[in-house]
N, C-alpha and C. Protein backbone atom coordinates (compact mmCIF):
# COMPACT_ATOMS: atom_id res chain seq x y z
N MET A 1 0.42 -25.16 2.31
CA MET A 1 -0.03 -23.62 2.12
C MET A 1 -1.30 -23.67 2.03
N ASP A 2 -2.07 -22.63 2.70
CA ASP A 2 -3.44 -22.48 3.04
C ASP A 2 -3.98 -21.19 2.03
N GLN A 3 -4.99 -20.67 1.47
CA GLN A 3 -5.89 -19.91 1.17
C GLN A 3 -5.33 -18.64 1.34
N ILE A 4 -5.48 -18.20 2.63
CA ILE A 4 -4.57 -16.80 2.85
C ILE A 4 -3.29 -16.55 2.13
N SER A 5 -2.02 -17.71 2.58
CA SER A 5 -0.83 -17.59 2.09
C SER A 5 -0.85 -17.57 0.66
N ALA A 6 -1.72 -18.52 0.13
CA ALA A 6 -1.97 -18.17 -1.53
C ALA A 6 -2.28 -16.89 -2.20
N GLU A 7 -3.11 -16.35 -1.60
CA GLU A 7 -3.76 -14.83 -1.96
C GLU A 7 -2.43 -13.66 -1.55
N ARG A 8 -1.68 -14.00 -0.52
CA ARG A 8 -0.99 -13.01 0.22
C ARG A 8 0.39 -13.05 -1.08
N TYR A 9 0.81 -14.27 -1.72
CA TYR A 9 1.60 -14.47 -2.61
C TYR A 9 1.19 -13.72 -3.82
N PHE A 10 0.03 -13.76 -4.57
CA PHE A 10 -0.73 -13.42 -5.38
C PHE A 10 -0.77 -12.11 -5.28
N TYR A 11 -1.10 -11.46 -4.07
CA TYR A 11 -0.80 -10.16 -3.80
C TYR A 11 0.13 -9.09 -4.08
N ASP A 12 0.99 -9.81 -3.33
CA ASP A 12 2.46 -9.32 -3.29
C ASP A 12 3.05 -9.26 -5.12
N PHE A 13 2.77 -10.39 -5.52
CA PHE A 13 3.26 -10.58 -7.04
C PHE A 13 2.79 -9.36 -7.69
N VAL A 14 1.32 -9.10 -7.48
CA VAL A 14 0.58 -8.02 -8.48
C VAL A 14 1.38 -6.28 -7.93
N LYS A 15 1.46 -6.16 -6.61
CA LYS A 15 1.65 -5.09 -5.94
C LYS A 15 3.27 -4.60 -6.22
N ASN A 16 4.08 -5.87 -6.18
CA ASN A 16 5.67 -5.59 -6.86
C ASN A 16 5.89 -5.97 -8.02
N LYS A 17 5.24 -5.31 -9.13
CA LYS A 17 5.72 -5.76 -10.40
C LYS A 17 7.11 -5.64 -10.67
N GLN A 18 7.74 -6.39 -11.15
CA GLN A 18 9.50 -6.67 -11.32
C GLN A 18 9.49 -6.94 -12.61
N GLY A 19 8.64 -7.13 -13.70
CA GLY A 19 9.18 -7.40 -14.77
C GLY A 19 9.40 -8.77 -15.25
N GLU A 20 9.78 -9.06 -16.33
CA GLU A 20 10.01 -10.71 -16.76
C GLU A 20 10.86 -11.74 -15.74
N GLN A 21 11.65 -11.27 -14.98
CA GLN A 21 11.99 -12.09 -13.70
C GLN A 21 10.94 -12.61 -13.37
N SER A 22 10.18 -11.45 -12.63
CA SER A 22 8.94 -11.96 -11.62
C SER A 22 7.95 -12.77 -12.20
N ILE A 23 7.39 -12.79 -13.52
CA ILE A 23 6.90 -13.40 -13.87
C ILE A 23 7.90 -15.07 -14.25
N LEU A 24 8.46 -15.04 -14.24
CA LEU A 24 9.04 -16.58 -14.37
C LEU A 24 9.33 -17.00 -13.05
N ASN A 25 9.67 -16.30 -12.11
CA ASN A 25 9.63 -16.95 -10.79
C ASN A 25 8.22 -17.12 -10.54
N PHE A 26 7.46 -16.31 -10.97
CA PHE A 26 5.74 -16.65 -10.35
C PHE A 26 5.66 -17.83 -11.24
N GLU A 27 5.97 -18.36 -12.52
CA GLU A 27 5.66 -19.57 -12.94
C GLU A 27 6.41 -20.50 -12.45
N GLN A 28 7.29 -20.45 -12.02
CA GLN A 28 7.91 -21.61 -11.04
C GLN A 28 7.12 -22.10 -9.76
N TRP A 29 6.83 -20.73 -9.08
CA TRP A 29 6.08 -20.99 -7.90
C TRP A 29 4.99 -21.92 -7.82
N VAL A 30 4.29 -21.38 -9.22
CA VAL A 30 2.91 -22.27 -9.55
C VAL A 30 3.10 -23.84 -9.51
N TYR A 31 4.13 -23.89 -10.34
CA TYR A 31 4.40 -25.17 -10.33
C TYR A 31 4.94 -25.86 -9.53
N GLU A 32 5.45 -25.41 -8.33
CA GLU A 32 5.90 -25.73 -6.83
C GLU A 32 4.91 -26.17 -6.25
N HIS A 33 3.58 -25.61 -6.27
CA HIS A 33 2.59 -25.79 -5.48
C HIS A 33 1.10 -26.53 -6.19
N GLU A 34 0.93 -27.57 -5.94
CA GLU A 34 0.11 -28.19 -6.83
C GLU A 34 -1.08 -27.80 -5.77
N GLU A 35 -0.90 -27.67 -4.67
CA GLU A 35 -2.14 -27.81 -3.81
C GLU A 35 -3.12 -26.09 -4.00
N LEU A 36 -2.46 -25.42 -5.00
CA LEU A 36 -3.08 -24.46 -5.72
C LEU A 36 -4.06 -24.72 -6.24
N GLU A 37 -4.88 -26.08 -6.84
CA GLU A 37 -5.51 -26.50 -7.54
C GLU A 37 -6.82 -26.75 -6.65
N GLU A 38 -6.55 -27.35 -5.36
CA GLU A 38 -7.47 -27.55 -4.56
C GLU A 38 -7.89 -26.06 -3.84
N ILE A 39 -6.97 -25.03 -3.73
CA ILE A 39 -7.59 -23.88 -3.15
C ILE A 39 -8.16 -23.14 -4.20
N LEU A 40 -7.51 -23.17 -5.47
CA LEU A 40 -8.38 -22.35 -6.66
C LEU A 40 -9.48 -22.76 -7.30
N GLY A 41 -9.46 -23.95 -7.24
CA GLY A 41 -10.57 -24.91 -8.24
C GLY A 41 -9.81 -25.52 -9.69
N GLU A 42 -9.97 -26.37 -10.06
CA GLU A 42 -9.42 -27.22 -11.11
C GLU A 42 -9.60 -26.19 -12.49
N LYS A 43 -10.39 -25.24 -12.60
CA LYS A 43 -10.43 -24.39 -13.66
C LYS A 43 -9.39 -23.27 -13.70
N GLU A 44 -9.60 -22.70 -12.30
CA GLU A 44 -8.39 -21.29 -12.31
C GLU A 44 -6.88 -22.08 -12.17
N TYR A 45 -6.78 -22.93 -11.69
CA TYR A 45 -5.36 -23.99 -11.57
C TYR A 45 -4.94 -24.16 -13.04
N PHE A 46 -5.98 -24.77 -13.54
CA PHE A 46 -5.24 -25.25 -14.96
C PHE A 46 -4.86 -23.90 -16.24
N GLU A 47 -5.67 -22.64 -15.83
CA GLU A 47 -5.29 -21.80 -16.57
C GLU A 47 -4.27 -21.13 -16.29
N LEU A 48 -3.62 -21.03 -15.01
CA LEU A 48 -2.18 -20.55 -14.34
C LEU A 48 -1.41 -21.75 -14.72
N ILE A 49 -1.61 -23.43 -14.63
CA ILE A 49 -0.44 -23.86 -15.36
C ILE A 49 -0.47 -23.77 -16.67
N SER A 50 -1.30 -23.62 -17.44
CA SER A 50 -1.02 -23.84 -19.17
C SER A 50 -0.65 -22.43 -19.72
N ARG A 51 -0.49 -21.36 -18.79
CA ARG A 51 -0.24 -20.04 -19.52
C ARG A 51 1.32 -20.20 -19.65
N ASP A 52 1.81 -19.57 -21.01
CA ASP A 52 2.76 -19.32 -21.56
C ASP A 52 3.41 -18.19 -20.86
N TYR A 53 4.57 -18.62 -19.94
CA TYR A 53 4.60 -17.31 -19.00
C TYR A 53 6.02 -16.56 -19.90
N LYS A 54 6.52 -16.86 -21.01
CA LYS A 54 7.16 -16.15 -21.54
C LYS A 54 6.57 -15.29 -22.86
N ASP A 55 5.24 -15.29 -22.98
CA ASP A 55 4.38 -14.65 -24.06
C ASP A 55 4.73 -12.95 -23.03
N ARG A 56 4.34 -12.49 -24.23
CA ARG A 56 4.82 -10.76 -23.80
C ARG A 56 3.74 -10.40 -22.43
N PHE A 57 2.42 -10.96 -23.03
CA PHE A 57 1.19 -10.46 -22.46
C PHE A 57 1.08 -11.53 -21.31
N ALA A 58 1.75 -12.22 -20.73
CA ALA A 58 1.68 -13.06 -19.71
C ALA A 58 1.53 -12.42 -18.31
N TYR A 59 2.11 -11.24 -18.09
CA TYR A 59 2.27 -10.87 -16.74
C TYR A 59 0.15 -10.24 -16.61
N HIS A 60 0.25 -9.14 -18.19
CA HIS A 60 -1.18 -8.83 -18.00
C HIS A 60 -2.13 -9.75 -17.61
N GLN A 61 -1.87 -10.68 -18.58
CA GLN A 61 -2.80 -12.07 -18.09
C GLN A 61 -3.23 -12.22 -16.45
N THR A 62 -1.94 -12.97 -16.34
CA THR A 62 -1.55 -13.66 -14.75
C THR A 62 -2.40 -12.14 -13.95
N GLU A 63 -2.01 -11.03 -14.01
CA GLU A 63 -2.57 -9.93 -12.96
C GLU A 63 -4.29 -10.08 -13.09
N LYS A 64 -4.68 -10.09 -14.50
CA LYS A 64 -5.98 -10.31 -14.67
C LYS A 64 -6.65 -10.97 -13.73
N GLN A 65 -6.43 -12.47 -13.99
CA GLN A 65 -6.51 -13.60 -13.26
C GLN A 65 -6.67 -13.54 -11.78
N ILE A 66 -5.47 -12.97 -11.28
CA ILE A 66 -5.35 -12.32 -9.79
C ILE A 66 -6.27 -11.57 -9.43
N ARG A 67 -6.71 -10.41 -9.94
CA ARG A 67 -7.70 -9.62 -9.44
C ARG A 67 -8.95 -10.04 -9.54
N ARG A 68 -9.05 -11.03 -10.18
CA ARG A 68 -10.45 -11.43 -10.42
C ARG A 68 -10.90 -12.75 -9.32
N LEU A 69 -9.43 -13.27 -8.76
CA LEU A 69 -9.60 -14.48 -7.70
C LEU A 69 -9.58 -14.00 -6.43
N VAL A 70 -8.44 -12.61 -6.17
CA VAL A 70 -8.07 -12.34 -4.86
C VAL A 70 -8.82 -10.95 -4.53
N HIS A 71 -9.64 -10.87 -3.50
CA HIS A 71 -9.72 -9.64 -2.84
C HIS A 71 -9.00 -8.68 -1.95
N PHE A 72 -8.28 -7.56 -2.48
CA PHE A 72 -6.94 -6.89 -2.06
C PHE A 72 -7.31 -6.17 -0.51
N GLY A 73 -8.40 -6.00 -0.51
CA GLY A 73 -9.00 -4.98 0.99
C GLY A 73 -8.12 -5.38 1.80
N SER A 74 -8.18 -6.33 2.61
CA SER A 74 -7.50 -6.55 3.66
C SER A 74 -5.94 -6.72 3.91
N PHE A 75 -5.24 -7.16 2.73
CA PHE A 75 -4.03 -7.04 2.44
C PHE A 75 -3.74 -5.55 2.24
N GLU A 76 -4.34 -4.77 1.54
CA GLU A 76 -4.39 -3.07 1.03
C GLU A 76 -4.41 -2.66 2.73
N GLN A 77 -5.30 -2.97 3.44
CA GLN A 77 -5.37 -2.23 4.61
C GLN A 77 -4.11 -2.72 5.59
N GLU A 78 -3.66 -3.95 5.67
CA GLU A 78 -2.40 -4.38 6.13
C GLU A 78 -1.27 -3.63 5.61
N ARG A 79 -1.28 -3.19 4.52
CA ARG A 79 -0.12 -2.76 3.93
C ARG A 79 -0.16 -1.34 4.41
N ILE A 80 -0.97 -0.34 4.10
CA ILE A 80 -1.00 1.00 4.63
C ILE A 80 -0.70 0.94 5.96
N THR A 81 -1.32 0.11 7.35
CA THR A 81 -1.26 0.16 8.37
C THR A 81 0.31 0.05 8.66
N MET A 82 0.78 -0.95 7.75
CA MET A 82 2.44 -1.09 7.90
C MET A 82 3.21 0.17 7.67
N MET A 83 3.03 0.77 6.20
CA MET A 83 3.58 2.16 6.02
C MET A 83 3.53 3.38 7.16
N LEU A 84 2.38 3.19 7.85
CA LEU A 84 1.89 4.45 8.58
C LEU A 84 3.04 4.02 10.14
N ASN A 85 2.96 2.75 10.41
CA ASN A 85 3.66 2.18 11.34
C ASN A 85 5.23 2.59 11.14
N ASN A 86 5.88 2.38 9.91
CA ASN A 86 6.51 3.02 9.42
C ASN A 86 7.32 4.18 9.77
N LEU A 87 6.41 5.06 9.63
CA LEU A 87 6.74 6.26 10.13
C LEU A 87 7.13 6.44 11.31
N LEU A 88 6.20 5.89 11.97
CA LEU A 88 6.77 6.18 13.72
C LEU A 88 7.88 5.59 14.46
N THR A 89 8.43 4.51 13.57
CA THR A 89 9.57 3.66 13.86
C THR A 89 10.66 3.72 13.28
N ASN A 90 10.69 3.95 11.85
CA ASN A 90 12.03 3.48 11.04
C ASN A 90 12.82 5.08 11.58
N GLU A 91 14.13 4.87 11.77
CA GLU A 91 14.84 6.03 12.09
C GLU A 91 15.56 6.28 10.95
N ASP A 92 15.35 6.05 9.68
CA ASP A 92 16.23 5.66 8.58
C ASP A 92 15.42 7.13 7.80
N VAL A 93 16.24 8.51 7.86
CA VAL A 93 15.61 9.84 7.02
C VAL A 93 15.05 9.02 5.47
N THR A 94 15.93 8.59 5.01
CA THR A 94 15.78 8.54 3.29
C THR A 94 14.52 7.44 2.83
N GLU A 95 14.34 6.81 3.72
CA GLU A 95 13.31 5.21 4.04
C GLU A 95 11.97 6.28 3.93
N GLN A 96 12.03 6.79 5.35
CA GLN A 96 10.66 7.83 5.70
C GLN A 96 10.48 8.50 4.28
N LEU A 97 11.20 8.92 3.84
CA LEU A 97 10.77 9.94 2.86
C LEU A 97 10.43 9.23 1.51
N GLU A 98 11.06 7.97 1.53
CA GLU A 98 10.47 7.13 0.19
C GLU A 98 8.89 6.88 0.71
N THR A 99 8.79 6.44 2.05
CA THR A 99 7.42 6.05 2.30
C THR A 99 6.56 6.61 1.97
N LEU A 100 6.89 8.59 2.50
CA LEU A 100 6.09 9.63 2.34
C LEU A 100 5.43 9.72 1.05
N GLU A 101 6.38 9.36 -0.10
CA GLU A 101 6.32 9.28 -1.33
C GLU A 101 4.90 8.54 -1.75
N ILE A 102 5.33 7.09 -1.23
CA ILE A 102 4.34 5.96 -1.87
C ILE A 102 3.00 6.41 -0.90
N LEU A 103 3.01 6.87 0.26
CA LEU A 103 1.78 7.65 0.38
C LEU A 103 1.00 8.62 -0.16
N TYR A 104 1.91 9.35 -0.61
CA TYR A 104 1.52 10.40 -1.52
C TYR A 104 1.03 9.85 -2.58
N GLU A 105 1.49 8.69 -3.24
CA GLU A 105 1.11 8.02 -4.40
C GLU A 105 -0.26 7.16 -4.24
N GLU A 106 -0.43 6.62 -2.84
CA GLU A 106 -1.38 6.36 -2.54
C GLU A 106 -2.92 7.48 -2.47
N TYR A 107 -2.60 8.10 -1.98
CA TYR A 107 -3.54 9.35 -1.27
C TYR A 107 -4.08 9.24 -3.07
N CYS A 108 -3.33 9.68 -4.13
CA CYS A 108 -3.60 9.94 -5.19
C CYS A 108 -4.41 9.18 -6.22
N GLY A 109 -4.28 7.94 -5.48
CA GLY A 109 -4.59 6.61 -6.20
C GLY A 109 -5.95 6.45 -5.33
N GLY A 110 -6.78 7.19 -4.38
CA GLY A 110 -7.81 7.07 -3.79
C GLY A 110 -8.17 7.38 -2.34
N TYR A 111 -7.05 6.91 -1.66
CA TYR A 111 -7.06 6.95 -0.21
C TYR A 111 -6.91 8.20 0.28
N ASN A 112 -8.27 9.18 0.25
CA ASN A 112 -8.59 10.39 0.56
C ASN A 112 -7.98 10.45 1.96
N PHE A 113 -8.36 9.81 2.63
CA PHE A 113 -8.11 9.54 4.20
C PHE A 113 -6.29 10.49 4.58
N LEU A 114 -5.46 10.01 3.61
CA LEU A 114 -3.84 10.21 3.57
C LEU A 114 -4.03 11.88 3.12
N ARG A 115 -4.72 12.24 2.92
CA ARG A 115 -4.62 13.82 2.28
C ARG A 115 -3.29 14.50 3.39
N TYR A 116 -3.36 14.72 4.56
CA TYR A 116 -2.50 15.25 5.01
C TYR A 116 -1.46 14.80 5.10
N ILE A 117 -0.70 14.10 5.14
CA ILE A 117 0.58 13.47 4.76
C ILE A 117 0.99 13.48 3.17
N ALA A 118 -0.10 13.42 2.84
CA ALA A 118 0.01 13.57 1.04
C ALA A 118 0.63 14.78 0.97
N LEU A 119 -0.44 15.84 1.34
CA LEU A 119 -0.30 17.29 1.04
C LEU A 119 1.16 17.92 1.60
N SER A 120 1.44 17.31 2.93
CA SER A 120 2.38 17.85 3.74
C SER A 120 3.95 17.43 2.73
N TYR A 121 3.63 16.24 2.28
CA TYR A 121 4.92 15.92 1.65
C TYR A 121 5.28 16.70 0.09
N ILE A 122 4.24 16.93 -0.55
CA ILE A 122 4.39 17.18 -1.88
C ILE A 122 4.57 18.67 -1.94
N VAL A 123 4.10 19.31 -1.03
CA VAL A 123 4.41 20.84 -0.76
C VAL A 123 6.03 21.21 -0.35
N THR A 124 7.05 19.85 -0.25
CA THR A 124 8.33 19.87 0.37
C THR A 124 9.06 19.79 -0.83
N SER A 125 9.84 20.83 -0.97
CA SER A 125 10.62 20.78 -2.53
C SER A 125 11.61 19.55 -2.06
N ASP A 126 12.06 19.65 -3.11
CA ASP A 126 13.50 18.60 -3.53
C ASP A 126 14.59 19.16 -2.90
N GLU A 127 14.73 20.20 -2.81
CA GLU A 127 16.19 20.76 -2.14
C GLU A 127 15.91 20.61 -0.70
N TYR A 128 14.89 21.03 -0.16
CA TYR A 128 14.20 21.13 1.37
C TYR A 128 14.34 19.40 1.74
N LYS A 129 13.90 18.47 1.12
CA LYS A 129 14.20 17.19 1.48
C LYS A 129 15.75 16.87 1.36
N GLU A 130 16.58 17.51 0.48
CA GLU A 130 18.07 17.11 1.32
C GLU A 130 18.26 17.83 2.02
N VAL A 131 17.70 18.96 2.74
CA VAL A 131 18.43 19.79 3.90
C VAL A 131 17.89 18.72 4.91
N LEU A 132 16.49 18.12 5.11
CA LEU A 132 16.30 16.91 6.10
C LEU A 132 17.14 16.01 5.95
N LYS A 133 17.57 15.49 5.00
CA LYS A 133 18.23 13.97 5.21
C LYS A 133 19.57 14.56 5.60
N GLU A 134 20.11 15.79 5.95
CA GLU A 134 21.60 16.46 6.54
C GLU A 134 21.07 16.75 7.92
N ASP A 135 19.95 17.18 8.11
CA ASP A 135 19.40 17.89 9.44
C ASP A 135 18.62 17.23 10.27
N PRO A 136 18.99 16.08 11.34
CA PRO A 136 18.19 15.54 12.09
C PRO A 136 17.12 16.33 12.81
N SER A 137 17.86 17.48 13.41
CA SER A 137 16.34 18.26 13.91
C SER A 137 15.37 18.93 13.05
N LYS A 138 15.66 19.16 12.13
CA LYS A 138 14.92 19.82 11.05
C LYS A 138 14.07 18.81 10.68
N PHE A 139 14.13 17.07 10.51
CA PHE A 139 13.51 16.44 9.86
C PHE A 139 12.73 15.81 10.79
N GLN A 140 13.09 15.82 12.13
CA GLN A 140 12.30 15.54 13.49
C GLN A 140 10.90 16.50 13.53
N SER A 141 11.50 18.21 13.18
CA SER A 141 10.57 19.03 13.07
C SER A 141 9.47 18.67 12.35
N TYR A 142 9.72 18.60 11.19
CA TYR A 142 9.02 18.08 10.00
C TYR A 142 8.01 17.26 10.22
N MET A 143 8.68 15.97 10.71
CA MET A 143 7.81 14.72 10.67
C MET A 143 6.76 14.84 12.07
N GLY A 144 7.18 15.77 12.85
CA GLY A 144 6.29 16.04 14.08
C GLY A 144 4.62 16.26 13.86
N GLY A 145 4.21 16.81 12.95
CA GLY A 145 2.51 16.67 12.53
C GLY A 145 2.41 15.75 11.72
N ILE A 146 3.32 15.19 11.20
CA ILE A 146 2.99 14.07 9.90
C ILE A 146 3.05 12.51 11.25
N LYS A 147 3.99 12.55 12.02
CA LYS A 147 3.79 11.42 13.02
C LYS A 147 2.27 11.65 13.85
N GLU A 148 2.11 12.27 14.00
CA GLU A 148 0.81 12.63 15.04
C GLU A 148 -0.38 12.22 13.83
N GLU A 149 -0.44 12.55 12.48
CA GLU A 149 -1.52 12.20 11.63
C GLU A 149 -1.28 10.71 11.46
N ALA A 150 -0.20 9.97 11.35
CA ALA A 150 -0.40 8.72 11.67
C ALA A 150 -0.57 7.91 12.63
N VAL A 151 -0.33 8.36 13.64
CA VAL A 151 -0.86 7.94 15.00
C VAL A 151 -2.44 7.83 15.03
N ARG A 152 -2.82 8.93 14.41
CA ARG A 152 -4.59 9.58 14.31
C ARG A 152 -5.11 8.19 13.68
N LEU A 153 -4.65 8.47 12.32
CA LEU A 153 -5.11 7.39 11.54
C LEU A 153 -5.09 5.70 11.60
N LEU A 154 -3.91 5.48 12.41
CA LEU A 154 -3.87 3.86 12.62
C LEU A 154 -5.08 3.64 13.78
N GLY A 155 -5.16 4.43 14.59
CA GLY A 155 -6.12 4.23 15.70
C GLY A 155 -7.70 4.05 14.89
N PHE A 156 -7.88 4.71 13.69
CA PHE A 156 -9.17 4.53 13.13
C PHE A 156 -9.11 3.74 12.09
N LEU A 157 -7.72 3.13 11.54
CA LEU A 157 -7.78 1.57 10.89
C LEU A 157 -7.67 0.73 11.64
N ARG A 158 -7.37 0.28 12.93
CA ARG A 158 -7.22 -0.49 14.02
C ARG A 158 -8.73 -0.73 14.47
N SER A 159 -9.48 0.19 14.85
CA SER A 159 -10.76 0.08 15.02
C SER A 159 -12.21 0.00 13.68
N LYS A 160 -11.57 -0.02 12.38
CA LYS A 160 -12.08 -0.64 11.68
C LYS A 160 -13.11 0.79 11.03
N GLU A 161 -12.92 1.80 11.97
CA GLU A 161 -13.49 3.13 11.47
C GLU A 161 -13.37 3.61 9.73
N ILE A 162 -11.98 3.14 9.53
CA ILE A 162 -11.43 3.11 7.96
C ILE A 162 -11.12 1.85 7.67
N LEU A 163 -12.19 1.33 6.26
CA LEU A 163 -11.63 -0.04 6.38
C LEU A 163 -11.80 -0.09 4.71
N ILE A 164 -10.75 -0.69 4.00
CA ILE A 164 -10.33 -0.98 2.84
C ILE A 164 -10.98 -2.16 2.43
N TYR A 165 -11.75 -1.68 1.46
CA TYR A 165 -12.27 -3.23 1.24
C TYR A 165 -12.04 -3.68 -0.15
N GLU A 166 -11.37 -2.85 -0.91
CA GLU A 166 -10.55 -3.20 -2.63
C GLU A 166 -9.40 -2.11 -2.41
N GLU A 167 -8.68 -2.47 -3.62
CA GLU A 167 -7.84 -1.58 -3.66
C GLU A 167 -7.79 -0.30 -4.13
N HIS A 168 -7.68 0.91 -2.96
CA HIS A 168 -7.98 2.17 -3.47
C HIS A 168 -9.51 2.51 -3.18
N GLU A 169 -10.25 1.53 -2.73
CA GLU A 169 -11.61 1.65 -2.17
C GLU A 169 -11.94 1.61 -0.99
N TYR A 170 -12.55 2.33 -0.26
CA TYR A 170 -12.97 2.06 1.38
C TYR A 170 -13.96 2.56 2.17
N SER A 171 -14.06 2.40 3.02
CA SER A 171 -15.56 2.85 3.58
C SER A 171 -14.83 3.46 4.96
N ASP A 172 -15.40 4.77 4.66
CA ASP A 172 -15.19 5.51 6.07
C ASP A 172 -16.25 5.88 6.88
N TYR A 173 -16.07 5.07 8.12
CA TYR A 173 -17.51 5.02 9.15
C TYR A 173 -17.00 6.42 10.22
N ARG A 174 -15.99 7.18 10.10
CA ARG A 174 -16.16 8.16 11.03
C ARG A 174 -16.79 9.44 11.42
N ALA A 175 -16.70 9.51 12.48
CA ALA A 175 -17.73 10.76 12.60
C ALA A 175 -17.28 11.78 11.82
N GLU A 176 -18.14 12.67 11.61
CA GLU A 176 -17.81 14.16 10.56
C GLU A 176 -16.58 14.76 11.21
N LYS A 177 -16.79 14.94 12.71
CA LYS A 177 -15.68 15.76 13.15
C LYS A 177 -14.05 14.97 13.20
N ASP A 178 -14.22 13.89 12.74
CA ASP A 178 -13.15 13.46 13.07
C ASP A 178 -12.37 13.03 11.82
N ARG A 179 -13.17 13.37 10.52
CA ARG A 179 -12.55 13.82 9.21
C ARG A 179 -11.80 14.68 9.33
N ILE A 180 -10.92 15.52 9.55
CA ILE A 180 -10.27 16.74 9.94
C ILE A 180 -9.62 16.98 8.20
N GLU A 181 -9.12 15.89 8.15
CA GLU A 181 -8.07 16.26 6.57
C GLU A 181 -9.00 16.46 5.53
N MET A 182 -10.52 16.12 5.89
CA MET A 182 -11.37 16.62 4.67
C MET A 182 -11.95 17.71 4.65
N HIS A 183 -12.04 18.45 6.34
CA HIS A 183 -12.91 20.09 6.17
C HIS A 183 -11.98 20.90 6.69
N SER A 184 -10.83 20.42 7.30
CA SER A 184 -10.03 21.35 8.15
C SER A 184 -8.71 21.52 7.59
N ILE A 185 -8.32 21.15 6.03
CA ILE A 185 -6.66 20.86 5.52
C ILE A 185 -6.03 21.93 6.00
N ASN A 186 -6.83 23.42 5.69
CA ASN A 186 -6.11 24.33 5.59
C ASN A 186 -5.16 24.84 7.72
N GLU A 187 -6.18 24.44 8.17
CA GLU A 187 -5.72 24.70 9.58
C GLU A 187 -4.57 23.70 9.80
N MET A 188 -4.96 22.28 9.53
CA MET A 188 -3.83 21.22 9.75
C MET A 188 -2.44 21.87 9.16
N LEU A 189 -2.21 22.31 8.11
CA LEU A 189 -1.04 22.41 7.26
C LEU A 189 -0.85 23.71 7.94
N ALA A 190 -1.52 24.69 8.48
CA ALA A 190 -1.14 25.92 9.03
C ALA A 190 -0.59 25.79 10.57
N ALA A 191 -0.95 24.53 11.15
CA ALA A 191 -0.41 24.62 12.24
C ALA A 191 1.15 23.93 12.21
N GLU A 192 1.42 23.34 11.29
CA GLU A 192 3.09 23.35 11.13
C GLU A 192 3.75 24.24 11.26
């Protein structure tokens, strides 16, 4: 295992909080990977292997240690990119609506560049979401503007004009005219 693989595992562990079973699986993983001592250093490794993972605060202590050790930026950039790609390639309506909900939560967490997608989703009533699940043509129409915005944002993420450097923190190097979700949201939403 190399450092990137270890950091990815740590990142996935923190992002996919799954309770007691997750922390016990994490404990087992730590014991199975002695090379973590070389990757993390003796002090950090010792802290991991000496923790009582059955303690009720074990997850919190582990998450705190991981956040101290791993910079989430590149993993976050990769995750947001994958979700935007998912909007373009996944045909499952329910999964796409779930992805939109996650992107809305990420917008609320600080990824303001997701504004158009987030607002398009949140103004959609639960009743209409059910209609979308039953009517493919309405769903395709609904997704039209969202997919266009996903393509636009993917271009900026790939060119590093939007660069996530930490969880919910990013630098926006786009020209002002390209930040249309910030200054022209009403026009974008009206175009639907």
